[in-house]
Every structure is written in C-alpha cells, then in structure tokens.
Amino acid sequence: MTSSLHTQRYQVFRALLVEAREKAGLTQVEVAARLGKPQSYVSKYERGERRLDFTEFVELAEVLSVDAAEFLFAYKALLG
C-alpha cells in the first residue's frame, strides 16, 4: 500500500498549500514564525516529508488568511 504522503491526492493538497503561502506573500520562515514552529516544519510538509493533521491545517489556513472551506472546495475541484 502506498503511503498517503505520496498519493496524487496529497500532492495536490501540498501544491495548494504552497500556492496559498505564495499568494499570501509569505516565506516559509515567516509562516513558521507565525505558527511558533521551526522553518523545517513548513519545509517538511511542503515537500511531503510530514503530513498535516486537520487541526494543523486549520491553524495554517488562519495564518495564510485562507478560508478552509474554500480551500477544500478548490482541492475537490482539482481532483475532479
């Protein structure tokens, strides 16, 4: 069984996270600081080395000023 970190679905999720961070005009360092985490935390979930759980995603969405429901709608639309 393929690790869920390496599925096409999770790759789409990660790509949307990176896009949201870039649209917010934030660097990994800035996001990490706002989350109270090291920069490597952001790097690892963006590269697929660690997964985000739901509560981490909601906190990240707040930092990025992204509506979590709209994010999930965009995710589902990309998956078809």
C-alpha atoms as a PDB file:
ATOM      1  CA  MET A   1       0.000   0.000   0.000  1.00  0.00           C
ATOM      2  CA  THR A   2       1.339   3.434  -0.969  1.00  0.00           C
ATOM      3  CA  SER A   3       1.962   5.891   1.847  1.00  0.00           C
ATOM      4  CA  SER A   4      -0.736   8.549   1.855  1.00  0.00           C
ATOM      5  CA  LEU A   5       2.030  11.160   1.740  1.00  0.00           C
ATOM      6  CA  HIS A   6       2.870  10.030  -1.773  1.00  0.00           C
ATOM      7  CA  THR A   7      -0.562   9.787  -3.324  1.00  0.00           C
ATOM      8  CA  GLN A   8      -1.681  12.088  -6.115  1.00  0.00           C
ATOM      9  CA  ARG A   9      -4.346  13.475  -3.767  1.00  0.00           C
ATOM     10  CA  TYR A  10      -1.787  14.505  -1.174  1.00  0.00           C
ATOM     11  CA  GLN A  11       0.448  16.017  -3.861  1.00  0.00           C
ATOM     12  CA  VAL A  12      -2.491  18.217  -4.917  1.00  0.00           C
ATOM     13  CA  PHE A  13      -3.039  19.204  -1.281  1.00  0.00           C
ATOM     14  CA  ARG A  14       0.630  20.124  -0.870  1.00  0.00           C
ATOM     15  CA  ALA A  15       0.678  22.121  -4.105  1.00  0.00           C
ATOM     16  CA  LEU A  16      -2.350  24.108  -2.943  1.00  0.00           C
ATOM     17  CA  LEU A  17      -0.645  24.816   0.380  1.00  0.00           C
ATOM     18  CA  VAL A  18       2.448  26.159  -1.366  1.00  0.00           C
ATOM     19  CA  GLU A  19       0.292  28.230  -3.708  1.00  0.00           C
ATOM     20  CA  ALA A  20      -1.647  29.684  -0.761  1.00  0.00           C
ATOM     21  CA  ARG A  21       1.574  30.607   1.037  1.00  0.00           C
ATOM     22  CA  GLU A  22       2.974  32.280  -2.054  1.00  0.00           C
ATOM     23  CA  LYS A  23      -0.307  34.163  -2.700  1.00  0.00           C
ATOM     24  CA  ALA A  24      -0.128  35.408   0.892  1.00  0.00           C
ATOM     25  CA  GLY A  25       3.342  36.753   0.093  1.00  0.00           C
ATOM     26  CA  LEU A  26       4.927  34.799   2.915  1.00  0.00           C
ATOM     27  CA  THR A  27       8.143  32.839   3.086  1.00  0.00           C
ATOM     28  CA  GLN A  28       8.464  29.520   4.864  1.00  0.00           C
ATOM     29  CA  VAL A  29      10.346  31.329   7.631  1.00  0.00           C
ATOM     30  CA  GLU A  30       7.507  33.822   8.109  1.00  0.00           C
ATOM     31  CA  VAL A  31       4.842  31.118   8.199  1.00  0.00           C
ATOM     32  CA  ALA A  32       6.869  29.078  10.659  1.00  0.00           C
ATOM     33  CA  ALA A  33       7.348  32.094  12.930  1.00  0.00           C
ATOM     34  CA  ARG A  34       3.600  32.784  12.951  1.00  0.00           C
ATOM     35  CA  LEU A  35       2.955  29.149  13.822  1.00  0.00           C
ATOM     36  CA  GLY A  36       5.651  29.114  16.504  1.00  0.00           C
ATOM     37  CA  LYS A  37       7.473  26.320  14.662  1.00  0.00           C
ATOM     38  CA  PRO A  38      10.901  25.978  13.026  1.00  0.00           C
ATOM     39  CA  GLN A  39      11.202  26.653   9.294  1.00  0.00           C
ATOM     40  CA  SER A  40      11.866  22.955   8.753  1.00  0.00           C
ATOM     41  CA  TYR A  41       8.272  22.210   9.844  1.00  0.00           C
ATOM     42  CA  VAL A  42       6.926  24.177   6.864  1.00  0.00           C
ATOM     43  CA  SER A  43       9.537  22.770   4.508  1.00  0.00           C
ATOM     44  CA  LYS A  44       8.741  19.188   5.501  1.00  0.00           C
ATOM     45  CA  TYR A  45       5.008  19.391   4.917  1.00  0.00           C
ATOM     46  CA  GLU A  46       5.504  21.286   1.654  1.00  0.00           C
ATOM     47  CA  ARG A  47       7.911  18.592   0.395  1.00  0.00           C
ATOM     48  CA  GLY A  48       5.783  15.710   1.612  1.00  0.00           C
ATOM     49  CA  GLU A  49       8.120  14.559   4.356  1.00  0.00           C
ATOM     50  CA  ARG A  50       5.476  15.068   7.036  1.00  0.00           C
ATOM     51  CA  ARG A  51       1.726  15.214   6.957  1.00  0.00           C
ATOM     52  CA  LEU A  52      -0.504  17.900   8.390  1.00  0.00           C
ATOM     53  CA  ASP A  53      -3.381  16.824  10.561  1.00  0.00           C
ATOM     54  CA  PHE A  54      -6.706  18.625  10.425  1.00  0.00           C
ATOM     55  CA  THR A  55      -6.065  20.975  13.345  1.00  0.00           C
ATOM     56  CA  GLU A  56      -2.661  21.918  11.915  1.00  0.00           C
ATOM     57  CA  PHE A  57      -4.301  22.625   8.556  1.00  0.00           C
ATOM     58  CA  VAL A  58      -6.918  24.891  10.168  1.00  0.00           C
ATOM     59  CA  GLU A  59      -4.208  26.804  12.051  1.00  0.00           C
ATOM     60  CA  LEU A  60      -2.168  27.143   8.860  1.00  0.00           C
ATOM     61  CA  ALA A  61      -5.203  28.385   6.927  1.00  0.00           C
ATOM     62  CA  GLU A  62      -5.657  31.120   9.533  1.00  0.00           C
ATOM     63  CA  VAL A  63      -2.015  32.161   9.216  1.00  0.00           C
ATOM     64  CA  LEU A  64      -2.356  32.281   5.422  1.00  0.00           C
ATOM     65  CA  SER A  65      -5.696  34.140   5.631  1.00  0.00           C
ATOM     66  CA  VAL A  66      -7.312  31.338   3.640  1.00  0.00           C
ATOM     67  CA  ASP A  67     -10.879  30.185   4.171  1.00  0.00           C
ATOM     68  CA  ALA A  68     -10.521  26.483   4.966  1.00  0.00           C
ATOM     69  CA  ALA A  69     -13.849  25.614   3.317  1.00  0.00           C
ATOM     70  CA  GLU A  70     -12.890  27.417   0.101  1.00  0.00           C
ATOM     71  CA  PHE A  71      -9.517  25.677   0.153  1.00  0.00           C
ATOM     72  CA  LEU A  72     -11.207  22.291   0.413  1.00  0.00           C
ATOM     73  CA  PHE A  73     -13.617  23.214  -2.391  1.00  0.00           C
ATOM     74  CA  ALA A  74     -10.644  24.092  -4.636  1.00  0.00           C
ATOM     75  CA  TYR A  75      -8.955  20.838  -3.659  1.00  0.00           C
ATOM     76  CA  LYS A  76     -12.009  18.775  -4.572  1.00  0.00           C
ATOM     77  CA  ALA A  77     -12.402  20.666  -7.861  1.00  0.00           C
ATOM     78  CA  LEU A  78      -8.828  19.809  -8.850  1.00  0.00           C
ATOM     79  CA  LEU A  79      -9.405  16.147  -8.107  1.00  0.00           C
ATOM     80  CA  GLY A  80     -12.453  16.131 -10.357  1.00  0.00           C
END
